[in-house]
Structures are given as C-alpha cells and as structure tokens.
C-alpha atoms as a PDB file:
ATOM      1  CA  UNK A   1      95.596  86.076  77.447  1.00  0.00           C
ATOM      2  CA  UNK A   2      93.808  88.506  75.163  1.00  0.00           C
ATOM      3  CA  UNK A   3      93.830  91.773  77.042  1.00  0.00           C
ATOM      4  CA  UNK A   4      95.768  94.673  75.613  1.00  0.00           C
ATOM      5  CA  UNK A   5      94.827  97.786  77.625  1.00  0.00           C
ATOM      6  CA  UNK A   6      96.207  99.262  80.824  1.00  0.00           C
ATOM      7  CA  UNK A   7      94.563 101.183  83.646  1.00  0.00           C
ATOM      8  CA  UNK A   8      94.894 104.913  84.222  1.00  0.00           C
ATOM      9  CA  UNK A   9      96.841 105.489  87.417  1.00  0.00           C
ATOM     10  CA  UNK A  10      93.843 106.773  89.377  1.00  0.00           C
ATOM     11  CA  UNK A  11      91.781 103.701  88.516  1.00  0.00           C
ATOM     12  CA  UNK A  12      94.701 101.393  89.264  1.00  0.00           C
ATOM     13  CA  UNK A  13      95.123 102.853  92.728  1.00  0.00           C
ATOM     14  CA  UNK A  14      91.414 102.338  93.409  1.00  0.00           C
ATOM     15  CA  UNK A  15      91.711  98.620  92.616  1.00  0.00           C
ATOM     16  CA  UNK A  16      94.524  97.759  94.998  1.00  0.00           C
ATOM     17  CA  UNK A  17      94.060  96.830  98.621  1.00  0.00           C
ATOM     18  CA  UNK A  18      94.392  99.846 100.923  1.00  0.00           C
ATOM     19  CA  UNK A  19      97.360 100.299 103.243  1.00  0.00           C
ATOM     20  CA  UNK A  20      96.973  98.220 106.401  1.00  0.00           C
ATOM     21  CA  UNK A  21      97.774 100.465 109.302  1.00  0.00           C
ATOM     22  CA  UNK A  22      98.032  97.923 112.112  1.00  0.00           C
ATOM     23  CA  UNK A  23      97.235  94.294 111.309  1.00  0.00           C
ATOM     24  CA  UNK A  24      97.041  91.594 113.947  1.00  0.00           C
ATOM     25  CA  UNK A  25      96.017  89.149 111.206  1.00  0.00           C
ATOM     26  CA  UNK A  26      94.522  89.253 107.706  1.00  0.00           C
ATOM     27  CA  UNK A  27      90.992  88.383 106.638  1.00  0.00           C
ATOM     28  CA  UNK A  28      90.104  87.430 103.037  1.00  0.00           C
ATOM     29  CA  UNK A  29      86.679  88.827 102.184  1.00  0.00           C
ATOM     30  CA  UNK A  30      83.972  86.281 101.334  1.00  0.00           C
ATOM     31  CA  UNK A  31      80.960  86.997  99.090  1.00  0.00           C
ATOM     32  CA  UNK A  32      78.259  88.955 100.892  1.00  0.00           C
ATOM     33  CA  UNK A  33      80.484  90.272 103.665  1.00  0.00           C
ATOM     34  CA  UNK A  34      80.484  93.934 104.663  1.00  0.00           C
ATOM     35  CA  UNK A  35      82.625  96.097 106.888  1.00  0.00           C
ATOM     36  CA  UNK A  36      79.940  95.803 109.559  1.00  0.00           C
ATOM     37  CA  UNK A  37      79.777  91.994 109.468  1.00  0.00           C
ATOM     38  CA  UNK A  38      83.566  91.573 109.519  1.00  0.00           C
ATOM     39  CA  UNK A  39      83.921  94.110 112.316  1.00  0.00           C
ATOM     40  CA  UNK A  40      81.233  92.371 114.396  1.00  0.00           C
ATOM     41  CA  UNK A  41      82.870  88.968 113.925  1.00  0.00           C
ATOM     42  CA  UNK A  42      86.190  90.268 115.244  1.00  0.00           C
ATOM     43  CA  UNK A  43      84.800  92.394 118.086  1.00  0.00           C
ATOM     44  CA  UNK A  44      85.584  95.739 116.457  1.00  0.00           C
ATOM     45  CA  UNK A  45      83.614  98.817 115.547  1.00  0.00           C
ATOM     46  CA  UNK A  46      83.148  99.613 111.864  1.00  0.00           C
ATOM     47  CA  UNK A  47      85.118 102.830 112.418  1.00  0.00           C
ATOM     48  CA  UNK A  48      88.068 100.902 113.897  1.00  0.00           C
ATOM     49  CA  UNK A  49      88.149  98.431 111.018  1.00  0.00           C
ATOM     50  CA  UNK A  50      87.852 101.157 108.381  1.00  0.00           C
ATOM     51  CA  UNK A  51      90.588 103.256 110.014  1.00  0.00           C
ATOM     52  CA  UNK A  52      92.931 100.265 110.244  1.00  0.00           C
ATOM     53  CA  UNK A  53      92.599  99.716 106.505  1.00  0.00           C
ATOM     54  CA  UNK A  54      92.584 103.348 105.379  1.00  0.00           C
ATOM     55  CA  UNK A  55      89.118 103.160 103.828  1.00  0.00           C
ATOM     56  CA  UNK A  56      85.835 105.009 104.366  1.00  0.00           C
ATOM     57  CA  UNK A  57      82.861 103.649 106.295  1.00  0.00           C
ATOM     58  CA  UNK A  58      80.893 103.339 103.061  1.00  0.00           C
ATOM     59  CA  UNK A  59      83.524 101.446 101.062  1.00  0.00           C
ATOM     60  CA  UNK A  60      81.985  98.265  99.543  1.00  0.00           C
ATOM     61  CA  UNK A  61      84.033  95.105 100.015  1.00  0.00           C
ATOM     62  CA  UNK A  62      85.113  92.923  97.080  1.00  0.00           C
ATOM     63  CA  UNK A  63      85.213  89.146  97.499  1.00  0.00           C
ATOM     64  CA  UNK A  64      88.824  87.965  97.488  1.00  0.00           C
ATOM     65  CA  UNK A  65      90.290  91.257  98.731  1.00  0.00           C
ATOM     66  CA  UNK A  66      92.156  91.404 102.038  1.00  0.00           C
ATOM     67  CA  UNK A  67      91.401  93.336 105.237  1.00  0.00           C
ATOM     68  CA  UNK A  68      93.865  93.854 108.047  1.00  0.00           C
ATOM     69  CA  UNK A  69      92.238  93.022 111.383  1.00  0.00           C
ATOM     70  CA  UNK A  70      93.788  95.241 114.069  1.00  0.00           C
ATOM     71  CA  UNK A  71      94.335  94.037 117.640  1.00  0.00           C
ATOM     72  CA  UNK A  72      91.516  94.878 120.041  1.00  0.00           C
ATOM     73  CA  UNK A  73      93.960  96.287 122.583  1.00  0.00           C
ATOM     74  CA  UNK A  74      97.301  98.048 122.109  1.00  0.00           C
ATOM     75  CA  UNK A  75      99.130  96.874 119.020  1.00  0.00           C
ATOM     76  CA  UNK A  76     101.546  94.022 119.599  1.00  0.00           C
ATOM     77  CA  UNK A  77     105.143  94.762 118.626  1.00  0.00           C
ATOM     78  CA  UNK A  78     106.440  93.004 115.572  1.00  0.00           C
ATOM     79  CA  UNK A  79     103.118  92.522 113.813  1.00  0.00           C
ATOM     80  CA  UNK A  80     102.095  96.028 112.779  1.00  0.00           C
ATOM     81  CA  UNK A  81     102.776  96.579 109.108  1.00  0.00           C
ATOM     82  CA  UNK A  82     102.260  99.318 106.571  1.00  0.00           C
ATOM     83  CA  UNK A  83     102.568  99.188 102.843  1.00  0.00           C
ATOM     84  CA  UNK A  84     100.843  98.876  99.527  1.00  0.00           C
ATOM     85  CA  UNK A  85     100.090  95.339  98.484  1.00  0.00           C
ATOM     86  CA  UNK A  86      97.510  94.562  95.804  1.00  0.00           C
ATOM     87  CA  UNK A  87      95.608  91.282  95.893  1.00  0.00           C
ATOM     88  CA  UNK A  88      93.571  89.360  93.361  1.00  0.00           C
ATOM     89  CA  UNK A  89      89.898  90.329  93.414  1.00  0.00           C
ATOM     90  CA  UNK A  90      86.818  89.036  91.708  1.00  0.00           C
ATOM     91  CA  UNK A  91      87.434  85.504  93.011  1.00  0.00           C
ATOM     92  CA  UNK A  92      85.609  83.744  95.803  1.00  0.00           C
ATOM     93  CA  UNK A  93      88.659  81.696  96.772  1.00  0.00           C
ATOM     94  CA  UNK A  94      91.986  82.552  98.356  1.00  0.00           C
ATOM     95  CA  UNK A  95      95.232  80.940  97.329  1.00  0.00           C
ATOM     96  CA  UNK A  96      93.718  77.549  96.557  1.00  0.00           C
ATOM     97  CA  UNK A  97      95.539  75.559  99.206  1.00  0.00           C
ATOM     98  CA  UNK A  98      92.452  74.764 101.262  1.00  0.00           C
ATOM     99  CA  UNK A  99      93.440  76.724 104.371  1.00  0.00           C
ATOM    100  CA  UNK A 100      91.687  79.577 106.158  1.00  0.00           C
ATOM    101  CA  UNK A 101      91.872  82.142 103.378  1.00  0.00           C
ATOM    102  CA  UNK A 102      90.041  79.826 100.978  1.00  0.00           C
ATOM    103  CA  UNK A 103      87.059  79.649 103.338  1.00  0.00           C
ATOM    104  CA  UNK A 104      86.948  83.363 104.122  1.00  0.00           C
ATOM    105  CA  UNK A 105      88.377  82.876 107.622  1.00  0.00           C
ATOM    106  CA  UNK A 106      91.310  84.697 109.091  1.00  0.00           C
ATOM    107  CA  UNK A 107      94.891  83.478 108.917  1.00  0.00           C
ATOM    108  CA  UNK A 108      97.759  84.501 111.142  1.00  0.00           C
ATOM    109  CA  UNK A 109     100.479  86.791 109.856  1.00  0.00           C
ATOM    110  CA  UNK A 110     103.984  85.421 110.282  1.00  0.00           C
ATOM    111  CA  UNK A 111     106.403  87.579 112.282  1.00  0.00           C
ATOM    112  CA  UNK A 112     108.677  89.970 110.452  1.00  0.00           C
ATOM    113  CA  UNK A 113     111.846  88.196 109.346  1.00  0.00           C
ATOM    114  CA  UNK A 114     115.284  89.248 108.201  1.00  0.00           C
ATOM    115  CA  UNK A 115     116.695  88.043 104.909  1.00  0.00           C
ATOM    116  CA  UNK A 116     120.100  87.416 103.446  1.00  0.00           C
ATOM    117  CA  UNK A 117     120.980  88.698  99.992  1.00  0.00           C
ATOM    118  CA  UNK A 118     120.304  85.254  98.512  1.00  0.00           C
ATOM    119  CA  UNK A 119     117.286  82.972  98.253  1.00  0.00           C
ATOM    120  CA  UNK A 120     113.697  84.118  97.880  1.00  0.00           C
ATOM    121  CA  UNK A 121     110.787  85.658  99.786  1.00  0.00           C
ATOM    122  CA  UNK A 122     106.998  85.463  99.291  1.00  0.00           C
ATOM    123  CA  UNK A 123     105.346  88.888  99.583  1.00  0.00           C
ATOM    124  CA  UNK A 124     102.777  89.206 102.402  1.00  0.00           C
ATOM    125  CA  UNK A 125     100.073  91.735 103.135  1.00  0.00           C
ATOM    126  CA  UNK A 126     101.588  95.031 104.273  1.00  0.00           C
ATOM    127  CA  UNK A 127     104.989  94.468 102.659  1.00  0.00           C
ATOM    128  CA  UNK A 128     106.719  97.193 100.670  1.00  0.00           C
ATOM    129  CA  UNK A 129     109.657  96.886  98.332  1.00  0.00           C
ATOM    130  CA  UNK A 130     111.687  99.289 100.478  1.00  0.00           C
ATOM    131  CA  UNK A 131     111.052  97.336 103.690  1.00  0.00           C
ATOM    132  CA  UNK A 132     111.953  94.013 102.089  1.00  0.00           C
ATOM    133  CA  UNK A 133     115.081  95.515 100.532  1.00  0.00           C
ATOM    134  CA  UNK A 134     116.152  96.952 103.880  1.00  0.00           C
ATOM    135  CA  UNK A 135     115.757  93.595 105.637  1.00  0.00           C
ATOM    136  CA  UNK A 136     117.751  91.898 102.876  1.00  0.00           C
ATOM    137  CA  UNK A 137     120.522  94.491 103.044  1.00  0.00           C
ATOM    138  CA  UNK A 138     119.866  95.681  99.491  1.00  0.00           C
ATOM    139  CA  UNK A 139     118.814  98.895  97.833  1.00  0.00           C
ATOM    140  CA  UNK A 140     115.325  99.198  96.406  1.00  0.00           C
ATOM    141  CA  UNK A 141     116.866  99.633  92.952  1.00  0.00           C
ATOM    142  CA  UNK A 142     118.843  96.397  93.306  1.00  0.00           C
ATOM    143  CA  UNK A 143     115.838  94.372  94.474  1.00  0.00           C
ATOM    144  CA  UNK A 144     113.608  95.809  91.744  1.00  0.00           C
ATOM    145  CA  UNK A 145     116.239  95.141  89.050  1.00  0.00           C
ATOM    146  CA  UNK A 146     116.786  91.559  90.243  1.00  0.00           C
ATOM    147  CA  UNK A 147     113.086  90.868  89.857  1.00  0.00           C
ATOM    148  CA  UNK A 148     112.238  92.978  86.818  1.00  0.00           C
ATOM    149  CA  UNK A 149     109.975  95.282  88.809  1.00  0.00           C
ATOM    150  CA  UNK A 150     109.213  98.974  88.649  1.00  0.00           C
ATOM    151  CA  UNK A 151     110.449 100.259  92.053  1.00  0.00           C
ATOM    152  CA  UNK A 152     107.415 102.569  92.231  1.00  0.00           C
ATOM    153  CA  UNK A 153     104.819  99.891  91.452  1.00  0.00           C
ATOM    154  CA  UNK A 154     102.577  98.041  93.862  1.00  0.00           C
ATOM    155  CA  UNK A 155     103.550  94.603  95.144  1.00  0.00           C
ATOM    156  CA  UNK A 156     101.137  91.686  94.817  1.00  0.00           C
ATOM    157  CA  UNK A 157     100.644  89.524  97.875  1.00  0.00           C
ATOM    158  CA  UNK A 158     102.008  86.070  97.031  1.00  0.00           C
ATOM    159  CA  UNK A 159     104.660  87.275  94.564  1.00  0.00           C
ATOM    160  CA  UNK A 160     108.011  85.511  94.939  1.00  0.00           C
ATOM    161  CA  UNK A 161     110.969  87.904  95.119  1.00  0.00           C
ATOM    162  CA  UNK A 162     114.487  86.625  94.365  1.00  0.00           C
ATOM    163  CA  UNK A 163     117.595  88.003  96.014  1.00  0.00           C
ATOM    164  CA  UNK A 164     121.203  88.319  94.924  1.00  0.00           C
ATOM    165  CA  UNK A 165     120.622  88.419  91.180  1.00  0.00           C
ATOM    166  CA  UNK A 166     118.739  85.130  91.118  1.00  0.00           C
ATOM    167  CA  UNK A 167     115.653  86.744  89.679  1.00  0.00           C
ATOM    168  CA  UNK A 168     117.035  86.674  86.169  1.00  0.00           C
ATOM    169  CA  UNK A 169     117.565  82.928  86.144  1.00  0.00           C
ATOM    170  CA  UNK A 170     114.329  81.207  87.097  1.00  0.00           C
ATOM    171  CA  UNK A 171     110.786  80.720  85.815  1.00  0.00           C
ATOM    172  CA  UNK A 172     109.450  83.257  88.317  1.00  0.00           C
ATOM    173  CA  UNK A 173     111.605  85.961  86.742  1.00  0.00           C
ATOM    174  CA  UNK A 174     110.515  84.757  83.312  1.00  0.00           C
ATOM    175  CA  UNK A 175     106.936  85.509  84.323  1.00  0.00           C
ATOM    176  CA  UNK A 176     107.939  89.045  85.241  1.00  0.00           C
ATOM    177  CA  UNK A 177     109.309  89.374  81.693  1.00  0.00           C
ATOM    178  CA  UNK A 178     106.164  87.855  80.183  1.00  0.00           C
ATOM    179  CA  UNK A 179     105.394  89.930  77.073  1.00  0.00           C
ATOM    180  CA  UNK A 180     102.348  92.178  77.057  1.00  0.00           C
ATOM    181  CA  UNK A 181     100.989  94.501  74.396  1.00  0.00           C
ATOM    182  CA  UNK A 182     102.804  94.578  71.051  1.00  0.00           C
ATOM    183  CA  UNK A 183     105.568  92.105  72.080  1.00  0.00           C
ATOM    184  CA  UNK A 184     102.894  89.555  73.024  1.00  0.00           C
ATOM    185  CA  UNK A 185     101.055  90.184  69.766  1.00  0.00           C
ATOM    186  CA  UNK A 186     104.067  89.241  67.663  1.00  0.00           C
ATOM    187  CA  UNK A 187     103.809  88.594  63.924  1.00  0.00           C
ATOM    188  CA  UNK A 188     100.426  87.633  62.427  1.00  0.00           C
ATOM    189  CA  UNK A 189     102.296  85.160  60.211  1.00  0.00           C
ATOM    190  CA  UNK A 190     104.008  83.491  63.159  1.00  0.00           C
ATOM    191  CA  UNK A 191     102.979  80.390  65.091  1.00  0.00           C
ATOM    192  CA  UNK A 192     101.050  78.809  66.660  1.00  0.00           C
ATOM    193  CA  UNK A 193      98.801  77.718  63.816  1.00  0.00           C
ATOM    194  CA  UNK A 194      95.165  76.660  63.904  1.00  0.00           C
ATOM    195  CA  UNK A 195      94.269  73.013  63.350  1.00  0.00           C
ATOM    196  CA  UNK A 196      90.827  71.346  63.297  1.00  0.00           C
ATOM    197  CA  UNK A 197      91.560  69.429  66.493  1.00  0.00           C
ATOM    198  CA  UNK A 198      89.893  69.216  69.859  1.00  0.00           C
ATOM    199  CA  UNK A 199      91.390  67.862  73.035  1.00  0.00           C
ATOM    200  CA  UNK A 200      89.683  66.339  76.042  1.00  0.00           C
ATOM    201  CA  UNK A 201      89.740  67.472  79.644  1.00  0.00           C
ATOM    202  CA  UNK A 202      91.674  64.309  80.457  1.00  0.00           C
ATOM    203  CA  UNK A 203      94.369  65.186  77.910  1.00  0.00           C
ATOM    204  CA  UNK A 204      94.713  68.709  79.308  1.00  0.00           C
ATOM    205  CA  UNK A 205      94.887  67.358  82.841  1.00  0.00           C
ATOM    206  CA  UNK A 206      97.557  64.821  81.931  1.00  0.00           C
ATOM    207  CA  UNK A 207      99.766  67.464  80.303  1.00  0.00           C
ATOM    208  CA  UNK A 208      99.271  69.759  83.296  1.00  0.00           C
ATOM    209  CA  UNK A 209     100.167  67.073  85.841  1.00  0.00           C
ATOM    210  CA  UNK A 210     103.317  66.195  83.878  1.00  0.00           C
ATOM    211  CA  UNK A 211     104.434  69.823  84.106  1.00  0.00           C
ATOM    212  CA  UNK A 212     103.652  70.548  87.751  1.00  0.00           C
ATOM    213  CA  UNK A 213     100.381  72.443  87.224  1.00  0.00           C
ATOM    214  CA  UNK A 214      97.109  71.556  89.002  1.00  0.00           C
ATOM    215  CA  UNK A 215      95.066  69.721  86.342  1.00  0.00           C
ATOM    216  CA  UNK A 216      91.830  71.415  87.393  1.00  0.00           C
ATOM    217  CA  UNK A 217      93.339  74.873  86.841  1.00  0.00           C
ATOM    218  CA  UNK A 218      94.696  73.997  83.392  1.00  0.00           C
ATOM    219  CA  UNK A 219      91.353  72.454  82.415  1.00  0.00           C
ATOM    220  CA  UNK A 220      89.539  75.581  83.591  1.00  0.00           C
ATOM    221  CA  UNK A 221      91.816  77.867  81.570  1.00  0.00           C
ATOM    222  CA  UNK A 222      91.539  75.672  78.472  1.00  0.00           C
ATOM    223  CA  UNK A 223      87.761  75.519  78.658  1.00  0.00           C
ATOM    224  CA  UNK A 224      87.385  79.221  79.422  1.00  0.00           C
ATOM    225  CA  UNK A 225      89.681  80.195  76.567  1.00  0.00           C
ATOM    226  CA  UNK A 226      88.483  77.909  73.762  1.00  0.00           C
ATOM    227  CA  UNK A 227      86.276  75.051  74.907  1.00  0.00           C
ATOM    228  CA  UNK A 228      89.325  72.815  74.159  1.00  0.00           C
ATOM    229  CA  UNK A 229      89.183  73.805  70.466  1.00  0.00           C
ATOM    230  CA  UNK A 230      92.526  74.197  68.673  1.00  0.00           C
ATOM    231  CA  UNK A 231      90.820  75.740  65.650  1.00  0.00           C
ATOM    232  CA  UNK A 232      89.692  78.848  67.544  1.00  0.00           C
ATOM    233  CA  UNK A 233      91.216  82.306  67.041  1.00  0.00           C
ATOM    234  CA  UNK A 234      90.187  85.375  69.050  1.00  0.00           C
ATOM    235  CA  UNK A 235      89.694  88.939  67.834  1.00  0.00           C
ATOM    236  CA  UNK A 236      93.104  89.711  69.386  1.00  0.00           C
ATOM    237  CA  UNK A 237      94.698  86.855  67.332  1.00  0.00           C
ATOM    238  CA  UNK A 238      95.147  84.515  70.303  1.00  0.00           C
ATOM    239  CA  UNK A 239      95.116  80.969  68.968  1.00  0.00           C
ATOM    240  CA  UNK A 240      94.373  77.383  69.790  1.00  0.00           C
ATOM    241  CA  UNK A 241      93.228  75.548  72.887  1.00  0.00           C
ATOM    242  CA  UNK A 242      95.046  77.844  75.291  1.00  0.00           C
ATOM    243  CA  UNK A 243      94.611  80.995  73.151  1.00  0.00           C
ATOM    244  CA  UNK A 244      98.282  81.893  72.854  1.00  0.00           C
ATOM    245  CA  UNK A 245      99.404  84.978  70.931  1.00  0.00           C
ATOM    246  CA  UNK A 246     102.284  84.614  68.444  1.00  0.00           C
ATOM    247  CA  UNK A 247     104.667  86.791  70.485  1.00  0.00           C
ATOM    248  CA  UNK A 248     103.841  84.913  73.667  1.00  0.00           C
ATOM    249  CA  UNK A 249     104.321  81.584  71.853  1.00  0.00           C
ATOM    250  CA  UNK A 250     107.793  82.667  70.765  1.00  0.00           C
ATOM    251  CA  UNK A 251     108.631  83.762  74.324  1.00  0.00           C
ATOM    252  CA  UNK A 252     107.438  80.471  75.817  1.00  0.00           C
ATOM    253  CA  UNK A 253     109.584  78.568  73.327  1.00  0.00           C
ATOM    254  CA  UNK A 254     112.673  80.624  74.107  1.00  0.00           C
ATOM    255  CA  UNK A 255     112.248  81.084  77.862  1.00  0.00           C
ATOM    256  CA  UNK A 256     110.235  78.234  79.356  1.00  0.00           C
ATOM    257  CA  UNK A 257     111.143  75.058  77.492  1.00  0.00           C
ATOM    258  CA  UNK A 258     114.211  73.356  76.038  1.00  0.00           C
ATOM    259  CA  UNK A 259     112.039  71.194  73.777  1.00  0.00           C
ATOM    260  CA  UNK A 260     110.546  73.208  70.898  1.00  0.00           C
ATOM    261  CA  UNK A 261     106.774  73.247  70.765  1.00  0.00           C
ATOM    262  CA  UNK A 262     105.133  72.076  67.549  1.00  0.00           C
ATOM    263  CA  UNK A 263     103.084  74.977  66.160  1.00  0.00           C
ATOM    264  CA  UNK A 264     100.576  72.578  64.541  1.00  0.00           C
ATOM    265  CA  UNK A 265      99.940  70.384  67.571  1.00  0.00           C
ATOM    266  CA  UNK A 266      96.900  70.843  69.803  1.00  0.00           C
ATOM    267  CA  UNK A 267      98.722  68.993  72.583  1.00  0.00           C
ATOM    268  CA  UNK A 268     101.706  71.325  72.300  1.00  0.00           C
ATOM    269  CA  UNK A 269      99.388  74.328  72.360  1.00  0.00           C
ATOM    270  CA  UNK A 270      98.149  72.958  75.682  1.00  0.00           C
ATOM    271  CA  UNK A 271     101.714  72.346  76.832  1.00  0.00           C
ATOM    272  CA  UNK A 272     102.671  75.926  75.962  1.00  0.00           C
ATOM    273  CA  UNK A 273      99.790  77.292  78.028  1.00  0.00           C
ATOM    274  CA  UNK A 274     100.617  74.926  80.875  1.00  0.00           C
ATOM    275  CA  UNK A 275     104.275  76.013  80.875  1.00  0.00           C
ATOM    276  CA  UNK A 276     103.114  79.613  81.134  1.00  0.00           C
ATOM    277  CA  UNK A 277     100.772  78.699  83.993  1.00  0.00           C
ATOM    278  CA  UNK A 278     103.596  76.882  85.791  1.00  0.00           C
ATOM    279  CA  UNK A 279     105.776  79.957  85.510  1.00  0.00           C
ATOM    280  CA  UNK A 280     102.982  82.220  86.741  1.00  0.00           C
ATOM    281  CA  UNK A 281     102.265  79.952  89.702  1.00  0.00           C
ATOM    282  CA  UNK A 282     105.920  80.069  90.705  1.00  0.00           C
ATOM    283  CA  UNK A 283     105.971  83.841  90.399  1.00  0.00           C
ATOM    284  CA  UNK A 284     102.837  84.305  92.518  1.00  0.00           C
ATOM    285  CA  UNK A 285     103.623  81.912  95.343  1.00  0.00           C
ATOM    286  CA  UNK A 286     101.329  79.201  93.959  1.00  0.00           C
ATOM    287  CA  UNK A 287      98.176  81.360  93.858  1.00  0.00           C
ATOM    288  CA  UNK A 288      95.747  79.998  91.205  1.00  0.00           C
ATOM    289  CA  UNK A 289      93.751  83.235  91.115  1.00  0.00           C
ATOM    290  CA  UNK A 290      96.832  85.416  90.576  1.00  0.00           C
ATOM    291  CA  UNK A 291      98.166  82.968  87.982  1.00  0.00           C
ATOM    292  CA  UNK A 292      94.845  83.159  86.129  1.00  0.00           C
ATOM    293  CA  UNK A 293      94.975  86.957  86.297  1.00  0.00           C
ATOM    294  CA  UNK A 294      98.517  86.915  84.899  1.00  0.00           C
ATOM    295  CA  UNK A 295      97.485  84.495  82.153  1.00  0.00           C
ATOM    296  CA  UNK A 296      94.727  86.820  80.978  1.00  0.00           C
ATOM    297  CA  UNK A 297      96.136  90.287  81.580  1.00  0.00           C
ATOM    298  CA  UNK A 298      99.857  89.602  81.742  1.00  0.00           C
ATOM    299  CA  UNK A 299     101.596  89.452  85.108  1.00  0.00           C
ATOM    300  CA  UNK A 300     103.719  92.583  84.528  1.00  0.00           C
ATOM    301  CA  UNK A 301     100.508  94.528  83.846  1.00  0.00           C
ATOM    302  CA  UNK A 302      98.842  93.099  86.966  1.00  0.00           C
ATOM    303  CA  UNK A 303     101.865  94.072  89.054  1.00  0.00           C
ATOM    304  CA  UNK A 304     101.903  97.627  87.735  1.00  0.00           C
ATOM    305  CA  UNK A 305      98.203  98.409  87.399  1.00  0.00           C
ATOM    306  CA  UNK A 306      96.178  95.934  89.443  1.00  0.00           C
ATOM    307  CA  UNK A 307      93.359  93.842  87.981  1.00  0.00           C
ATOM    308  CA  UNK A 308      91.179  95.290  85.243  1.00  0.00           C
ATOM    309  CA  UNK A 309      87.432  94.766  85.679  1.00  0.00           C
ATOM    310  CA  UNK A 310      87.449  92.244  82.814  1.00  0.00           C
ATOM    311  CA  UNK A 311      90.316  90.403  84.520  1.00  0.00           C
ATOM    312  CA  UNK A 312      88.316  90.225  87.735  1.00  0.00           C
ATOM    313  CA  UNK A 313      85.439  88.602  85.834  1.00  0.00           C
ATOM    314  CA  UNK A 314      87.837  86.221  84.085  1.00  0.00           C
ATOM    315  CA  UNK A 315      89.419  85.123  87.369  1.00  0.00           C
ATOM    316  CA  UNK A 316      86.010  84.567  88.936  1.00  0.00           C
ATOM    317  CA  UNK A 317      84.922  82.412  85.974  1.00  0.00           C
ATOM    318  CA  UNK A 318      88.156  80.407  85.968  1.00  0.00           C
ATOM    319  CA  UNK A 319      88.008  79.756  89.698  1.00  0.00           C
ATOM    320  CA  UNK A 320      84.413  78.549  89.345  1.00  0.00           C
ATOM    321  CA  UNK A 321      85.452  76.227  86.506  1.00  0.00           C
ATOM    322  CA  UNK A 322      88.402  75.010  88.549  1.00  0.00           C
ATOM    323  CA  UNK A 323      85.974  73.844  91.211  1.00  0.00           C
ATOM    324  CA  UNK A 324      83.805  72.205  88.553  1.00  0.00           C
ATOM    325  CA  UNK A 325      86.833  70.293  87.264  1.00  0.00           C
ATOM    326  CA  UNK A 326      87.589  68.990  90.747  1.00  0.00           C
ATOM    327  CA  UNK A 327      89.867  71.709  92.121  1.00  0.00           C
ATOM    328  CA  UNK A 328      89.726  73.030  95.675  1.00  0.00           C
END
C-alpha cells in the first residue's frame, strides 16, 4: 500500500486484457504458455486465437491474463461477448478458489443474464458497463455513480457491482472509495504509530480468520509488507505490520469498523490491514490476486489504470507467499 503513481493512458491500455470478440469460454494463461500452445490445445490456429482476442500474432502472453477461446464452428448464440475487462496479471494463480482457472485450465462462461435494479452482479470477461446497465434497466451514469466508478474506465473481471443505490452502503463500495495519493498519505503526525513489537504468523492468521479473510493471504501481505514488524516505516510513510498510511488508517477507522483501532497496537495494525483486505475481497468477487493489487496500488487506481509493473511483481510475490503459508 505504498504506491503513489498512475499510468499514462497509453500504457494503461496496453496492460488490460484485449477485447474478446467471440468467446466460447475463457482460458487463464499459465506460466510458459504461448499463443501457439493455447491454440493447439483448443484445436485452433494461432491466427484464429489472435483474431478472437484482438491481439497480434507476436503478442507475448502474461501469466494470469485471460484469453477468450472462440468456438471451432459458427459462434453459438448467447455466448459471444465484447467489451473491455482488465484482469490481474503477474500472478500464477486465478481467483484462488481451486477451480479450473487456478490450474490454468479453461472454465465455462455463464450465459448472459438479465438483472433487476437491485442486488449485485460479479463482472465477467467481456462485460462492459453499458451492457450491464442496459440489462439492469439503468443508465451508465446511474450504474457508475452507484458504484463510484468512472463511466469511461475499464472494468475488472471479478468486481462486484451494486444496483439501485446499494453501492454506497457496503464494504465493496467502501473499497471503491479507498483513498489513493494525497488522501491516503494523510498527516505525517497522524496515526498509526510505530511500536517495537513483532507479531507471529499465528496471530495474523487468527485476526484474519476472525474477520472473514483467508489467513494465508493476510499472513502473506503482512510478511511481504514488514516481516511482521510493527516498528517498520516505509519511504512513503506507510507504517507498522501491514504498512498502513495515515490517511488510509483514518479511512479504515471511519468506514470499515465501528470499534476504533488503537494506533499503538501491533494487533490493531494487523486488524486494520485485514479489514481493508476483507473490503477489497468483497469488491473483487473474492479474488486474492485482485485484492492484493488493490492493497498495494489502491483499487480505484487499479480500476482506472490497470496494474502497474511494480504491482504485478507485488501480486506475484504475495501469491507465492500465500501458497507458502498454506493457501491454495
């Protein structure tokens, strides 16, 4: 949670997954795969696969990105999708739930649905804000406002969208309003404060489990950020075990908990980071890799600009640590 820069538009566009022209199902790229190997596995030519995803024949694949696998024959009605959906990259896992996308195998795309102007919807590959708004009987402006989104920004696969004004009330919407830049920086004199304390992996895991966060993910973030050291401060002024900036600490206290966090407590520093992770997981459909990206870069920045190269490295490291701490 130390990053402060944003991508130029041209670079941001290059980082998002290309438009999927006609997807029969989606394939999450595994390390070492190429367009040729994926095409051969699914009985396609490289040219067909590249054309279906709007990319060139020489485009290198990034582990964790998503390819649309077109049907071998005429496209089946109801499954062809177009849109701009960015996905987490730099990670060798999918959404962490142990299904096909975590092993680099293909997963079926659910049929297009219609939506009422209430409830929620998890963004899928190929979705656009305008298409989702149309199915929900809303304007793009209304849907974007309900969820704190820029109507011209890219959607992230796995993001939870709220309908009917519900976006302003829940933790998922709070993640959309997660401070970045100067608001996250806050006052140098503000909390949290450094203390010469260390916590154990077991303590972090216990706090995570009590707050609905996978213990292995919280342990990975805590170790990656500080080595479980509450006396550590970064060059960006992020502090404590979970490396929380003063402005972000204030926001967590006001938006994510009814019980004030103690600014001198290593355990409460962990709890603050865990509450943020819980909110990010809810906002990204339970995706550990996207939650880690949002923790480091700020979810609003990820939604608008895609993942920075440093964020991609961070996510890869966190996902590796998650496995080391017993996560799937």
